[in-house]
N, C-alpha and C. Protein backbone atom coordinates (compact mmCIF):
# COMPACT_ATOMS: atom_id res chain seq x y z
N MET A 1 216.34 196.04 225.43
CA MET A 1 216.40 197.34 224.78
C MET A 1 216.16 198.46 225.79
N ARG A 2 216.65 199.64 225.42
CA ARG A 2 216.34 200.84 226.19
C ARG A 2 215.29 201.63 225.42
N VAL A 3 214.13 201.83 226.04
CA VAL A 3 213.00 202.44 225.36
C VAL A 3 212.56 203.68 226.12
N VAL A 4 212.38 204.79 225.40
CA VAL A 4 211.84 206.01 225.97
C VAL A 4 210.39 206.14 225.51
N VAL A 5 209.47 206.25 226.45
CA VAL A 5 208.04 206.39 226.14
C VAL A 5 207.60 207.78 226.54
N ALA A 6 207.16 208.56 225.55
CA ALA A 6 206.65 209.90 225.82
C ALA A 6 205.14 209.85 225.98
N GLY A 7 204.66 210.23 227.15
CA GLY A 7 203.23 210.17 227.43
C GLY A 7 202.92 209.09 228.44
N ALA A 8 202.53 209.49 229.64
CA ALA A 8 202.25 208.52 230.70
C ALA A 8 200.75 208.42 230.98
N GLY A 9 199.97 208.56 229.94
CA GLY A 9 198.54 208.31 230.07
C GLY A 9 198.28 206.82 230.17
N VAL A 10 197.05 206.43 229.98
CA VAL A 10 196.70 205.01 230.07
C VAL A 10 197.49 204.19 229.06
N VAL A 11 197.60 204.70 227.82
CA VAL A 11 198.31 203.97 226.77
C VAL A 11 199.79 203.89 227.09
N GLY A 12 200.40 205.03 227.43
CA GLY A 12 201.83 205.04 227.72
C GLY A 12 202.21 204.15 228.88
N ARG A 13 201.43 204.17 229.96
CA ARG A 13 201.72 203.33 231.11
C ARG A 13 201.57 201.85 230.77
N SER A 14 200.57 201.54 229.97
CA SER A 14 200.38 200.15 229.55
C SER A 14 201.56 199.66 228.72
N ILE A 15 202.02 200.49 227.79
CA ILE A 15 203.18 200.13 226.98
C ILE A 15 204.40 199.92 227.87
N ALA A 16 204.61 200.84 228.81
CA ALA A 16 205.76 200.75 229.70
C ALA A 16 205.74 199.46 230.52
N ARG A 17 204.59 199.11 231.04
CA ARG A 17 204.50 197.90 231.87
C ARG A 17 204.76 196.64 231.04
N ASP A 18 204.23 196.62 229.82
CA ASP A 18 204.47 195.46 228.96
C ASP A 18 205.94 195.33 228.62
N LEU A 19 206.60 196.45 228.34
CA LEU A 19 208.03 196.42 228.02
C LEU A 19 208.86 195.98 229.23
N LEU A 20 208.50 196.49 230.39
CA LEU A 20 209.20 196.07 231.60
C LEU A 20 209.04 194.57 231.85
N GLY A 21 207.83 194.07 231.56
CA GLY A 21 207.59 192.63 231.70
C GLY A 21 208.43 191.80 230.77
N GLY A 22 208.85 192.42 229.65
CA GLY A 22 209.72 191.72 228.70
C GLY A 22 211.19 191.90 229.00
N GLY A 23 211.51 192.55 230.13
CA GLY A 23 212.90 192.69 230.53
C GLY A 23 213.61 193.90 229.96
N HIS A 24 212.87 194.84 229.38
CA HIS A 24 213.49 196.02 228.78
C HIS A 24 213.62 197.16 229.79
N GLU A 25 214.55 198.05 229.50
CA GLU A 25 214.72 199.25 230.32
C GLU A 25 213.82 200.35 229.78
N VAL A 26 213.02 200.96 230.64
CA VAL A 26 212.02 201.92 230.19
C VAL A 26 212.18 203.25 230.90
N VAL A 27 212.18 204.32 230.11
CA VAL A 27 212.11 205.68 230.62
C VAL A 27 210.76 206.24 230.21
N LEU A 28 209.97 206.68 231.18
CA LEU A 28 208.62 207.18 230.93
C LEU A 28 208.56 208.65 231.30
N ILE A 29 208.12 209.49 230.37
CA ILE A 29 208.09 210.93 230.62
C ILE A 29 206.72 211.51 230.36
N ASP A 30 206.33 212.46 231.21
CA ASP A 30 205.06 213.16 231.05
C ASP A 30 205.16 214.51 231.74
N LYS A 31 204.42 215.48 231.23
CA LYS A 31 204.44 216.82 231.83
C LYS A 31 203.70 216.84 233.16
N ARG A 32 202.84 215.87 233.41
CA ARG A 32 202.00 215.87 234.60
C ARG A 32 202.58 214.97 235.69
N ARG A 33 203.01 215.57 236.76
CA ARG A 33 203.52 214.79 237.89
C ARG A 33 202.41 213.92 238.50
N SER A 34 201.17 214.39 238.38
CA SER A 34 200.04 213.70 239.02
C SER A 34 199.86 212.28 238.50
N VAL A 35 200.20 212.03 237.22
CA VAL A 35 199.99 210.67 236.69
C VAL A 35 200.94 209.68 237.34
N PHE A 36 202.12 210.15 237.74
CA PHE A 36 203.06 209.25 238.41
C PHE A 36 202.68 209.07 239.88
N ASP A 37 202.12 210.12 240.46
CA ASP A 37 201.72 210.02 241.87
C ASP A 37 200.51 209.10 242.04
N SER A 38 199.58 209.18 241.09
CA SER A 38 198.34 208.41 241.22
C SER A 38 198.49 206.96 240.76
N ASP A 39 199.36 206.72 239.78
CA ASP A 39 199.50 205.36 239.25
C ASP A 39 200.94 205.14 238.76
N PRO A 40 201.88 205.01 239.69
CA PRO A 40 203.29 204.86 239.29
C PRO A 40 203.53 203.54 238.56
N VAL A 41 204.51 203.57 237.67
CA VAL A 41 204.91 202.37 236.94
C VAL A 41 206.19 201.84 237.57
N ASP A 42 206.05 200.84 238.41
CA ASP A 42 207.19 200.30 239.13
C ASP A 42 208.21 199.71 238.16
N GLY A 43 209.46 200.10 238.36
CA GLY A 43 210.53 199.57 237.52
C GLY A 43 210.95 200.50 236.42
N ALA A 44 210.11 201.48 236.10
CA ALA A 44 210.44 202.44 235.05
C ALA A 44 211.07 203.68 235.67
N ARG A 45 211.95 204.30 234.92
CA ARG A 45 212.45 205.62 235.31
C ARG A 45 211.39 206.63 234.91
N GLN A 46 210.79 207.30 235.87
CA GLN A 46 209.69 208.21 235.61
C GLN A 46 210.17 209.65 235.73
N GLU A 47 209.99 210.42 234.66
CA GLU A 47 210.49 211.78 234.61
C GLU A 47 209.36 212.75 234.28
N VAL A 48 209.36 213.89 234.95
CA VAL A 48 208.40 214.95 234.66
C VAL A 48 209.07 215.96 233.74
N GLY A 49 208.43 216.26 232.61
CA GLY A 49 209.01 217.21 231.68
C GLY A 49 208.27 217.20 230.36
N ASP A 50 208.63 218.16 229.51
CA ASP A 50 208.01 218.30 228.19
C ASP A 50 208.90 217.61 227.16
N ALA A 51 208.41 216.51 226.60
CA ALA A 51 209.20 215.72 225.65
C ALA A 51 209.41 216.45 224.33
N CYS A 52 208.77 217.59 224.15
CA CYS A 52 208.98 218.38 222.94
C CYS A 52 210.17 219.33 223.06
N GLU A 53 210.79 219.35 224.23
CA GLU A 53 211.93 220.23 224.44
C GLU A 53 213.24 219.46 224.32
N MET A 54 214.15 220.01 223.52
CA MET A 54 215.44 219.36 223.29
C MET A 54 216.19 219.10 224.58
N SER A 55 216.18 220.09 225.48
CA SER A 55 216.95 219.95 226.72
C SER A 55 216.43 218.80 227.58
N VAL A 56 215.12 218.59 227.54
CA VAL A 56 214.52 217.50 228.32
C VAL A 56 214.91 216.15 227.72
N LEU A 57 214.83 216.05 226.40
CA LEU A 57 215.22 214.80 225.75
C LEU A 57 216.69 214.49 225.98
N ALA A 58 217.52 215.53 225.97
CA ALA A 58 218.94 215.33 226.23
C ALA A 58 219.16 214.83 227.66
N ARG A 59 218.39 215.40 228.59
CA ARG A 59 218.50 214.96 229.99
C ARG A 59 218.12 213.49 230.15
N LEU A 60 217.20 213.05 229.33
CA LEU A 60 216.76 211.64 229.39
C LEU A 60 217.76 210.70 228.73
N GLY A 61 218.71 211.25 227.98
CA GLY A 61 219.65 210.40 227.27
C GLY A 61 219.03 209.69 226.09
N VAL A 62 218.18 210.41 225.36
CA VAL A 62 217.46 209.81 224.23
C VAL A 62 218.41 209.28 223.17
N GLU A 63 219.59 209.89 223.06
CA GLU A 63 220.54 209.42 222.04
C GLU A 63 220.99 207.97 222.29
N ASP A 64 220.81 207.48 223.50
CA ASP A 64 221.18 206.10 223.82
C ASP A 64 220.00 205.13 223.74
N ALA A 65 218.83 205.65 223.36
CA ALA A 65 217.64 204.79 223.28
C ALA A 65 217.65 203.94 222.02
N ASP A 66 217.20 202.72 222.14
CA ASP A 66 217.02 201.85 220.97
C ASP A 66 215.72 202.18 220.26
N VAL A 67 214.73 202.57 221.05
CA VAL A 67 213.41 202.90 220.50
C VAL A 67 212.83 204.07 221.28
N VAL A 68 212.17 204.97 220.56
CA VAL A 68 211.37 206.02 221.19
C VAL A 68 209.92 205.79 220.78
N VAL A 69 209.02 205.81 221.76
CA VAL A 69 207.59 205.65 221.51
C VAL A 69 206.89 206.95 221.86
N ALA A 70 206.30 207.60 220.87
CA ALA A 70 205.52 208.81 221.10
C ALA A 70 204.08 208.39 221.31
N ALA A 71 203.64 208.36 222.57
CA ALA A 71 202.35 207.75 222.90
C ALA A 71 201.41 208.71 223.60
N THR A 72 201.57 210.00 223.39
CA THR A 72 200.68 210.95 224.05
C THR A 72 199.32 210.97 223.35
N GLY A 73 198.38 211.68 223.93
CA GLY A 73 197.06 211.80 223.33
C GLY A 73 196.94 212.96 222.38
N ASP A 74 198.07 213.58 222.03
CA ASP A 74 198.08 214.75 221.14
C ASP A 74 198.95 214.44 219.93
N ASP A 75 198.35 214.41 218.76
CA ASP A 75 199.11 214.07 217.55
C ASP A 75 200.23 215.06 217.28
N LYS A 76 200.01 216.34 217.56
CA LYS A 76 201.06 217.34 217.32
C LYS A 76 202.28 217.04 218.17
N VAL A 77 202.06 216.69 219.42
CA VAL A 77 203.16 216.35 220.31
C VAL A 77 203.88 215.10 219.81
N ASN A 78 203.13 214.11 219.40
CA ASN A 78 203.75 212.87 218.93
C ASN A 78 204.61 213.10 217.69
N LEU A 79 204.18 213.98 216.82
CA LEU A 79 204.97 214.29 215.62
C LEU A 79 206.25 215.02 215.99
N VAL A 80 206.17 215.98 216.89
CA VAL A 80 207.36 216.73 217.29
C VAL A 80 208.36 215.82 218.00
N VAL A 81 207.87 214.99 218.90
CA VAL A 81 208.75 214.05 219.60
C VAL A 81 209.44 213.12 218.60
N SER A 82 208.68 212.63 217.64
CA SER A 82 209.24 211.72 216.63
C SER A 82 210.33 212.41 215.82
N LEU A 83 210.05 213.64 215.38
CA LEU A 83 211.01 214.37 214.56
C LEU A 83 212.29 214.66 215.33
N LEU A 84 212.17 215.09 216.57
CA LEU A 84 213.35 215.37 217.37
C LEU A 84 214.16 214.10 217.64
N ALA A 85 213.46 213.03 217.97
CA ALA A 85 214.16 211.77 218.25
C ALA A 85 214.97 211.30 217.05
N LYS A 86 214.39 211.43 215.87
CA LYS A 86 215.06 210.94 214.66
C LYS A 86 216.16 211.89 214.18
N THR A 87 215.83 213.18 214.08
CA THR A 87 216.76 214.11 213.45
C THR A 87 217.83 214.65 214.39
N GLU A 88 217.48 214.83 215.66
CA GLU A 88 218.43 215.43 216.60
C GLU A 88 219.18 214.41 217.44
N PHE A 89 218.57 213.24 217.63
CA PHE A 89 219.20 212.24 218.49
C PHE A 89 219.49 210.93 217.76
N ALA A 90 219.15 210.87 216.48
CA ALA A 90 219.48 209.72 215.62
C ALA A 90 219.00 208.39 216.20
N VAL A 91 217.80 208.39 216.77
CA VAL A 91 217.22 207.14 217.29
C VAL A 91 216.87 206.24 216.10
N SER A 92 217.27 205.00 216.16
CA SER A 92 217.11 204.11 215.00
C SER A 92 215.66 203.71 214.74
N ARG A 93 214.83 203.68 215.78
CA ARG A 93 213.44 203.25 215.59
C ARG A 93 212.50 204.14 216.40
N VAL A 94 211.57 204.75 215.69
CA VAL A 94 210.60 205.64 216.32
C VAL A 94 209.20 205.14 216.01
N VAL A 95 208.43 204.92 217.06
CA VAL A 95 207.05 204.44 216.93
C VAL A 95 206.13 205.55 217.44
N ALA A 96 205.11 205.87 216.66
CA ALA A 96 204.23 206.98 217.04
C ALA A 96 202.77 206.55 217.05
N ARG A 97 202.05 207.01 218.04
CA ARG A 97 200.61 206.76 218.17
C ARG A 97 199.84 207.82 217.39
N ILE A 98 198.86 207.37 216.60
CA ILE A 98 197.97 208.28 215.88
C ILE A 98 196.64 208.31 216.64
N ASN A 99 196.24 209.50 217.08
CA ASN A 99 194.98 209.63 217.81
C ASN A 99 193.81 209.96 216.89
N GLU A 100 194.05 210.82 215.93
CA GLU A 100 193.01 211.25 215.00
C GLU A 100 193.30 210.67 213.61
N PRO A 101 192.46 209.74 213.14
CA PRO A 101 192.73 209.09 211.85
C PRO A 101 192.95 210.05 210.69
N ARG A 102 192.36 211.24 210.74
CA ARG A 102 192.56 212.21 209.66
C ARG A 102 194.00 212.70 209.57
N ASN A 103 194.77 212.50 210.64
CA ASN A 103 196.16 212.94 210.65
C ASN A 103 197.13 211.86 210.19
N GLU A 104 196.61 210.71 209.82
CA GLU A 104 197.48 209.57 209.54
C GLU A 104 198.50 209.86 208.44
N TRP A 105 198.13 210.67 207.45
CA TRP A 105 199.02 210.95 206.34
C TRP A 105 200.29 211.68 206.76
N LEU A 106 200.26 212.32 207.94
CA LEU A 106 201.43 213.05 208.42
C LEU A 106 202.49 212.13 209.03
N PHE A 107 202.09 210.98 209.48
CA PHE A 107 202.98 210.12 210.25
C PHE A 107 203.83 209.25 209.33
N ASP A 108 204.85 209.87 208.74
CA ASP A 108 205.76 209.13 207.88
C ASP A 108 207.19 209.57 208.16
N ASP A 109 208.11 209.16 207.28
CA ASP A 109 209.52 209.42 207.55
C ASP A 109 209.88 210.89 207.50
N ARG A 110 209.03 211.71 206.91
CA ARG A 110 209.30 213.15 206.92
C ARG A 110 209.26 213.70 208.34
N TRP A 111 208.51 213.05 209.19
CA TRP A 111 208.43 213.45 210.60
C TRP A 111 209.21 212.49 211.49
N GLY A 112 210.03 211.65 210.89
CA GLY A 112 210.87 210.75 211.68
C GLY A 112 210.18 209.50 212.16
N VAL A 113 208.97 209.22 211.67
CA VAL A 113 208.20 208.06 212.14
C VAL A 113 208.55 206.82 211.32
N ASP A 114 208.96 205.77 212.01
CA ASP A 114 209.23 204.49 211.35
C ASP A 114 207.98 203.61 211.32
N VAL A 115 207.26 203.58 212.43
CA VAL A 115 206.03 202.79 212.53
C VAL A 115 204.95 203.66 213.15
N ALA A 116 203.83 203.79 212.45
CA ALA A 116 202.69 204.57 212.95
C ALA A 116 201.57 203.60 213.33
N VAL A 117 201.04 203.78 214.53
CA VAL A 117 200.00 202.87 215.03
C VAL A 117 198.72 203.67 215.28
N SER A 118 197.67 203.28 214.58
CA SER A 118 196.37 203.93 214.74
C SER A 118 195.41 202.94 215.38
N THR A 119 194.96 203.25 216.58
CA THR A 119 194.03 202.34 217.27
C THR A 119 192.74 202.12 216.47
N PRO A 120 192.12 203.18 215.92
CA PRO A 120 190.92 202.93 215.11
C PRO A 120 191.18 201.99 213.95
N ARG A 121 192.35 202.15 213.29
CA ARG A 121 192.65 201.26 212.17
C ARG A 121 192.81 199.82 212.62
N LEU A 122 193.48 199.62 213.76
CA LEU A 122 193.65 198.26 214.26
C LEU A 122 192.31 197.63 214.59
N ILE A 123 191.40 198.41 215.17
CA ILE A 123 190.08 197.87 215.49
C ILE A 123 189.33 197.51 214.21
N VAL A 124 189.38 198.41 213.23
CA VAL A 124 188.73 198.13 211.95
C VAL A 124 189.33 196.88 211.32
N SER A 125 190.65 196.74 211.41
CA SER A 125 191.31 195.58 210.83
C SER A 125 190.82 194.29 211.45
N VAL A 126 190.67 194.31 212.78
CA VAL A 126 190.19 193.10 213.47
C VAL A 126 188.77 192.78 213.03
N VAL A 127 187.92 193.80 212.90
CA VAL A 127 186.54 193.58 212.44
C VAL A 127 186.55 193.03 211.03
N GLU A 128 187.34 193.65 210.15
CA GLU A 128 187.39 193.19 208.76
C GLU A 128 187.92 191.77 208.67
N GLU A 129 188.89 191.46 209.51
CA GLU A 129 189.47 190.13 209.49
C GLU A 129 188.42 189.07 209.79
N ALA A 130 187.47 189.42 210.67
CA ALA A 130 186.46 188.46 211.08
C ALA A 130 185.45 188.19 209.98
N VAL A 131 185.29 189.13 209.04
CA VAL A 131 184.24 188.98 208.04
C VAL A 131 184.76 188.91 206.61
N SER A 132 186.08 189.02 206.44
CA SER A 132 186.62 189.14 205.09
C SER A 132 187.60 188.01 204.77
N VAL A 133 187.16 186.79 204.90
CA VAL A 133 188.00 185.65 204.57
C VAL A 133 188.41 185.74 203.11
N GLY A 134 189.70 185.65 202.87
CA GLY A 134 190.21 185.72 201.51
C GLY A 134 190.61 187.11 201.07
N ASP A 135 190.21 188.13 201.82
CA ASP A 135 190.56 189.50 201.47
C ASP A 135 191.84 189.92 202.18
N VAL A 136 192.55 190.87 201.59
CA VAL A 136 193.74 191.42 202.20
C VAL A 136 193.32 192.47 203.22
N VAL A 137 193.72 192.30 204.48
CA VAL A 137 193.40 193.23 205.55
C VAL A 137 194.69 193.87 206.03
N ARG A 138 194.79 195.18 205.95
CA ARG A 138 195.99 195.89 206.35
C ARG A 138 195.99 196.07 207.86
N LEU A 139 197.04 195.59 208.52
CA LEU A 139 197.13 195.66 209.97
C LEU A 139 197.98 196.82 210.46
N MET A 140 199.07 197.11 209.74
CA MET A 140 199.98 198.15 210.20
C MET A 140 200.80 198.66 209.04
N THR A 141 201.15 199.95 209.10
CA THR A 141 201.98 200.56 208.07
C THR A 141 203.40 200.73 208.58
N LEU A 142 204.35 200.25 207.79
CA LEU A 142 205.76 200.41 208.11
C LEU A 142 206.31 201.51 207.22
N ARG A 143 206.43 202.70 207.78
CA ARG A 143 206.76 203.86 206.96
C ARG A 143 208.15 203.78 206.36
N ARG A 144 209.13 203.30 207.12
CA ARG A 144 210.50 203.33 206.63
C ARG A 144 210.65 202.54 205.34
N GLY A 145 210.02 201.39 205.27
CA GLY A 145 210.15 200.57 204.08
C GLY A 145 209.06 200.79 203.05
N GLY A 146 208.11 201.70 203.33
CA GLY A 146 207.03 201.94 202.40
C GLY A 146 206.15 200.73 202.20
N ALA A 147 206.03 199.91 203.22
CA ALA A 147 205.26 198.67 203.12
C ALA A 147 204.27 198.56 204.27
N ASN A 148 203.40 197.55 204.16
CA ASN A 148 202.39 197.30 205.19
C ASN A 148 202.49 195.86 205.67
N ILE A 149 202.07 195.64 206.91
CA ILE A 149 201.83 194.27 207.37
C ILE A 149 200.37 193.97 207.09
N VAL A 150 200.13 192.95 206.29
CA VAL A 150 198.76 192.61 205.90
C VAL A 150 198.47 191.16 206.26
N SER A 151 197.20 190.89 206.42
CA SER A 151 196.73 189.57 206.80
C SER A 151 195.74 189.05 205.76
N VAL A 152 195.85 187.76 205.45
CA VAL A 152 194.90 187.10 204.56
C VAL A 152 194.53 185.76 205.18
N THR A 153 193.24 185.50 205.34
CA THR A 153 192.79 184.21 205.86
C THR A 153 192.31 183.35 204.71
N LEU A 154 192.86 182.15 204.58
CA LEU A 154 192.50 181.27 203.48
C LEU A 154 191.09 180.71 203.67
N PRO A 155 190.25 180.78 202.63
CA PRO A 155 188.89 180.24 202.73
C PRO A 155 188.90 178.71 202.76
N GLU A 156 187.77 178.13 203.11
CA GLU A 156 187.68 176.66 203.21
C GLU A 156 187.97 175.97 201.87
N GLN A 157 187.57 176.61 200.78
CA GLN A 157 187.78 176.01 199.46
C GLN A 157 188.98 176.62 198.75
N THR A 158 190.01 176.96 199.49
CA THR A 158 191.17 177.61 198.90
C THR A 158 191.89 176.71 197.91
N PRO A 159 192.28 177.25 196.75
CA PRO A 159 193.04 176.46 195.78
C PRO A 159 194.47 176.19 196.24
N LEU A 160 194.88 176.84 197.32
CA LEU A 160 196.24 176.65 197.83
C LEU A 160 196.35 175.47 198.79
N ALA A 161 195.24 174.85 199.16
CA ALA A 161 195.25 173.76 200.13
C ALA A 161 196.21 172.65 199.69
N GLY A 162 197.13 172.30 200.56
CA GLY A 162 198.08 171.24 200.29
C GLY A 162 199.29 171.65 199.48
N ARG A 163 199.28 172.87 198.94
CA ARG A 163 200.41 173.31 198.13
C ARG A 163 201.51 173.85 199.03
N PRO A 164 202.76 173.45 198.82
CA PRO A 164 203.85 173.95 199.65
C PRO A 164 204.09 175.44 199.43
N VAL A 165 204.55 176.11 200.46
CA VAL A 165 204.81 177.54 200.39
C VAL A 165 205.75 177.89 199.25
N GLY A 166 206.76 177.07 199.06
CA GLY A 166 207.77 177.34 198.04
C GLY A 166 207.25 177.26 196.61
N ARG A 167 206.05 176.70 196.42
CA ARG A 167 205.51 176.54 195.07
C ARG A 167 204.45 177.60 194.74
N VAL A 168 204.31 178.57 195.60
CA VAL A 168 203.37 179.67 195.34
C VAL A 168 204.19 180.91 195.00
N ARG A 169 203.95 181.44 193.83
CA ARG A 169 204.70 182.60 193.38
C ARG A 169 204.00 183.88 193.84
N LEU A 170 204.64 184.58 194.74
CA LEU A 170 204.06 185.81 195.29
C LEU A 170 204.45 187.00 194.41
N PRO A 171 203.67 188.08 194.49
CA PRO A 171 204.01 189.29 193.74
C PRO A 171 205.38 189.83 194.16
N ARG A 172 205.96 190.62 193.31
CA ARG A 172 207.26 191.21 193.59
C ARG A 172 207.21 192.05 194.86
N ASP A 173 208.27 191.94 195.67
CA ASP A 173 208.44 192.71 196.91
C ASP A 173 207.47 192.30 198.01
N VAL A 174 206.80 191.16 197.87
CA VAL A 174 205.90 190.65 198.91
C VAL A 174 206.59 189.48 199.61
N ALA A 175 206.55 189.49 200.93
CA ALA A 175 207.18 188.41 201.71
C ALA A 175 206.18 187.82 202.70
N LEU A 176 206.07 186.50 202.70
CA LEU A 176 205.26 185.80 203.69
C LEU A 176 206.12 185.61 204.94
N VAL A 177 205.68 186.18 206.06
CA VAL A 177 206.51 186.16 207.26
C VAL A 177 206.02 185.18 208.33
N ALA A 178 204.75 184.81 208.30
CA ALA A 178 204.24 183.88 209.30
C ALA A 178 202.91 183.29 208.87
N ILE A 179 202.64 182.09 209.37
CA ILE A 179 201.34 181.44 209.19
C ILE A 179 200.77 181.17 210.58
N LEU A 180 199.57 181.68 210.83
CA LEU A 180 198.89 181.42 212.10
C LEU A 180 197.90 180.29 211.88
N ARG A 181 198.10 179.21 212.60
CA ARG A 181 197.29 178.01 212.37
C ARG A 181 196.93 177.37 213.70
N GLY A 182 195.64 177.31 213.99
CA GLY A 182 195.19 176.62 215.20
C GLY A 182 195.79 177.16 216.48
N GLY A 183 195.97 178.47 216.56
CA GLY A 183 196.49 179.06 217.77
C GLY A 183 197.99 179.03 217.90
N ARG A 184 198.70 178.59 216.87
CA ARG A 184 200.15 178.57 216.92
C ARG A 184 200.75 179.24 215.69
N VAL A 185 202.01 179.62 215.79
CA VAL A 185 202.72 180.26 214.69
C VAL A 185 203.54 179.21 213.95
N VAL A 186 203.33 179.15 212.64
CA VAL A 186 204.07 178.22 211.79
C VAL A 186 205.05 179.02 210.93
N VAL A 187 206.32 178.67 211.01
CA VAL A 187 207.32 179.34 210.17
C VAL A 187 207.11 178.89 208.73
N PRO A 188 206.98 179.82 207.79
CA PRO A 188 206.68 179.46 206.39
C PRO A 188 207.88 178.93 205.62
N GLU A 189 208.35 177.75 206.02
CA GLU A 189 209.43 177.09 205.28
C GLU A 189 208.90 176.66 203.91
N PRO A 190 209.77 176.53 202.90
CA PRO A 190 209.32 176.21 201.53
C PRO A 190 208.48 174.94 201.42
N ASP A 191 208.72 173.95 202.30
CA ASP A 191 207.99 172.68 202.18
C ASP A 191 206.74 172.61 203.05
N VAL A 192 206.41 173.71 203.74
CA VAL A 192 205.20 173.72 204.59
C VAL A 192 203.97 173.90 203.71
N PRO A 193 202.99 173.00 203.80
CA PRO A 193 201.78 173.14 202.96
C PRO A 193 200.77 174.10 203.58
N PHE A 194 200.05 174.79 202.72
CA PHE A 194 198.96 175.65 203.18
C PHE A 194 197.76 174.80 203.56
N GLU A 195 196.95 175.30 204.51
CA GLU A 195 195.73 174.62 204.92
C GLU A 195 194.58 175.62 204.96
N PRO A 196 193.34 175.18 204.68
CA PRO A 196 192.19 176.08 204.80
C PRO A 196 192.12 176.67 206.20
N GLY A 197 191.79 177.93 206.29
CA GLY A 197 191.69 178.60 207.58
C GLY A 197 192.98 179.21 208.06
N ASP A 198 194.09 178.95 207.36
CA ASP A 198 195.36 179.58 207.73
C ASP A 198 195.24 181.10 207.64
N GLU A 199 195.78 181.79 208.64
CA GLU A 199 195.91 183.24 208.53
C GLU A 199 197.35 183.54 208.14
N LEU A 200 197.53 184.17 207.01
CA LEU A 200 198.86 184.44 206.47
C LEU A 200 199.22 185.90 206.72
N LEU A 201 200.40 186.12 207.25
CA LEU A 201 200.87 187.48 207.50
C LEU A 201 201.98 187.81 206.49
N PHE A 202 201.78 188.89 205.77
CA PHE A 202 202.73 189.32 204.75
C PHE A 202 203.25 190.71 205.06
N VAL A 203 204.45 191.00 204.55
CA VAL A 203 204.91 192.38 204.41
C VAL A 203 204.82 192.68 202.92
N ALA A 204 204.07 193.74 202.60
CA ALA A 204 203.80 194.01 201.18
C ALA A 204 203.60 195.50 200.95
N PRO A 205 204.10 196.02 199.82
CA PRO A 205 203.79 197.40 199.47
C PRO A 205 202.33 197.52 199.07
N GLU A 206 201.77 198.70 199.24
CA GLU A 206 200.35 198.90 198.94
C GLU A 206 200.03 198.57 197.50
N THR A 207 200.98 198.85 196.60
CA THR A 207 200.74 198.62 195.17
C THR A 207 200.60 197.14 194.82
N ALA A 208 201.05 196.27 195.73
CA ALA A 208 200.99 194.83 195.45
C ALA A 208 199.83 194.13 196.12
N GLU A 209 199.04 194.85 196.91
CA GLU A 209 198.00 194.19 197.69
C GLU A 209 196.92 193.57 196.80
N LYS A 210 196.53 194.25 195.74
CA LYS A 210 195.50 193.71 194.85
C LYS A 210 195.98 192.43 194.18
N GLU A 211 197.22 192.44 193.70
CA GLU A 211 197.77 191.25 193.04
C GLU A 211 197.91 190.11 194.05
N LEU A 212 198.28 190.44 195.29
CA LEU A 212 198.40 189.41 196.33
C LEU A 212 197.05 188.76 196.58
N SER A 213 195.99 189.55 196.64
CA SER A 213 194.65 189.01 196.83
C SER A 213 194.28 188.04 195.72
N GLN A 214 194.64 188.38 194.49
CA GLN A 214 194.33 187.50 193.35
C GLN A 214 195.09 186.19 193.46
N VAL A 215 196.34 186.25 193.88
CA VAL A 215 197.14 185.03 194.04
C VAL A 215 196.51 184.11 195.08
N ILE A 216 196.08 184.70 196.19
CA ILE A 216 195.51 183.90 197.28
C ILE A 216 194.17 183.29 196.88
N LEU A 217 193.33 184.04 196.20
CA LEU A 217 192.00 183.57 195.86
C LEU A 217 191.99 182.64 194.65
N GLN A 218 192.90 182.85 193.73
CA GLN A 218 192.90 182.08 192.48
C GLN A 218 194.00 181.04 192.43
N GLY A 219 194.95 181.12 193.34
CA GLY A 219 196.05 180.16 193.33
C GLY A 219 197.05 180.49 192.26
């Protein structure tokens, strides 16, 4: 993929390096030339400029990007970059970093955001996951589809133990996408049985999370 990353701070550079390691083409932009001089990202096209300006985005060829990542430390900048990428350059997938949790409600399709990532929320999710066996833990919000990626860990005495995936009736619009078991990913084929301790990853609308929890806990 061709990915444009706005913001070459610690987060932006880390994202760029990971993407380059996966064989993707990366364009990294920041207003500060000093960040490239002090810690260049080898393999990335590094550009100095304001990603909130149309002319700069045009120079970068954002219209040819598969993904734009707004990863600056300023929520206002990330929202503007997301909106321009989506509305002016028709980028199919826009990912935005949320710095201040109070601003999370802004990061939706009205601002061109397909996926909003909040570091505080992810940390809280990991903490909750460790102590909330059987509870639905929201990991990420997918704005375009109005759904969330949620995790549920089956308790030791789960009523689902041994029951095949295909025989568990999930709430409407909920999809089981993966089972994490013993350090490996298990594809949830209909004949795969559930086991205690399984971590189940679902895509689910917020309105279905309570019903999903009941299904998991009560079978």
